[in-house]
């Protein structure tokens, strides 16, 4: 998967196991921490340790924002870094 393939609403998981939602060229988490996707290379690598994207999910069913990040059964894994 590449950065250009990421779409609004997708959930990404970083090397440090934190999850973020893709929203308008940014990543946002449950604590409303936001940072831009422009910090990532096209192959989803981040220049700082433990922030590269290692998994990408689709949201299978509508959910509260809290459940999006915490309830695995609502997510469908569509890509994983090998």
Protein backbone atom coordinates (compact mmCIF):
# COMPACT_ATOMS: atom_id res chain seq x y z
CA UNK A 1 0.00 0.00 0.00
CA UNK A 2 1.12 3.54 -0.66
CA UNK A 3 0.29 6.89 0.90
CA UNK A 4 -1.66 7.94 -2.18
CA UNK A 5 -3.97 4.91 -1.73
CA UNK A 6 -5.04 5.97 1.78
CA UNK A 7 -8.63 7.25 1.91
CA UNK A 8 -10.63 9.21 4.47
CA UNK A 9 -11.98 6.90 7.17
CA UNK A 10 -9.27 4.26 6.89
CA UNK A 11 -7.58 3.31 10.15
CA UNK A 12 -3.79 2.98 10.28
CA UNK A 13 -1.70 1.33 12.96
CA UNK A 14 1.81 2.53 13.69
CA UNK A 15 4.85 0.55 14.84
CA UNK A 16 4.13 1.68 18.40
CA UNK A 17 0.64 0.07 18.17
CA UNK A 18 -1.20 3.40 18.17
CA UNK A 19 -4.12 3.74 15.76
CA UNK A 20 -5.14 6.79 13.79
CA UNK A 21 -7.91 7.62 11.34
CA UNK A 22 -7.08 9.14 7.97
CA UNK A 23 -8.93 12.44 7.61
CA UNK A 24 -8.24 15.07 4.94
CA UNK A 25 -4.53 14.29 4.49
CA UNK A 26 -4.00 14.04 8.25
CA UNK A 27 -3.94 11.34 10.89
CA UNK A 28 -6.12 11.83 13.97
CA UNK A 29 -6.35 9.67 17.07
CA UNK A 30 -8.82 9.21 19.92
CA UNK A 31 -7.18 12.03 21.90
CA UNK A 32 -7.60 14.33 18.89
CA UNK A 33 -3.87 14.40 18.29
CA UNK A 34 -3.40 15.35 14.63
CA UNK A 35 -0.40 15.27 12.32
CA UNK A 36 -0.09 15.58 8.54
CA UNK A 37 0.38 12.69 6.14
CA UNK A 38 2.95 14.82 4.32
CA UNK A 39 5.43 13.75 7.01
CA UNK A 40 5.30 10.21 5.53
CA UNK A 41 7.07 8.96 2.43
CA UNK A 42 4.98 7.29 -0.28
CA UNK A 43 5.82 3.86 1.21
CA UNK A 44 4.30 4.92 4.60
CA UNK A 45 7.65 5.31 6.36
CA UNK A 46 8.05 8.07 8.92
CA UNK A 47 11.38 9.72 9.50
CA UNK A 48 11.23 9.20 13.27
CA UNK A 49 11.41 5.90 15.12
CA UNK A 50 8.23 3.90 15.88
CA UNK A 51 5.86 6.02 13.77
CA UNK A 52 5.87 4.18 10.43
CA UNK A 53 2.54 2.72 9.33
CA UNK A 54 2.50 -1.07 9.60
CA UNK A 55 -1.20 -1.90 9.13
CA UNK A 56 -4.17 -0.37 7.32
CA UNK A 57 -7.80 -1.22 8.07
CA UNK A 58 -11.24 -0.52 6.63
CA UNK A 59 -14.01 0.23 9.08
CA UNK A 60 -16.55 -2.58 8.60
CA UNK A 61 -19.42 -1.09 10.58
CA UNK A 62 -20.25 2.41 11.80
CA UNK A 63 -19.06 3.04 15.31
CA UNK A 64 -18.22 5.64 17.89
CA UNK A 65 -14.77 7.13 17.49
CA UNK A 66 -13.62 5.34 20.66
CA UNK A 67 -14.69 1.94 19.30
CA UNK A 68 -12.96 2.60 16.00
CA UNK A 69 -9.62 2.58 17.79
CA UNK A 70 -10.32 -0.06 20.45
CA UNK A 71 -12.67 -2.72 19.04
CA UNK A 72 -10.87 -4.95 16.55
CA UNK A 73 -14.07 -6.69 15.39
CA UNK A 74 -15.16 -3.45 13.68
CA UNK A 75 -12.01 -3.38 11.55
CA UNK A 76 -10.97 -5.34 8.47
CA UNK A 77 -7.21 -5.58 7.89
CA UNK A 78 -6.48 -4.73 4.26
CA UNK A 79 -2.69 -4.30 4.35
CA UNK A 80 0.20 -5.25 6.64
CA UNK A 81 3.89 -4.46 6.31
CA UNK A 82 5.96 -7.63 6.02
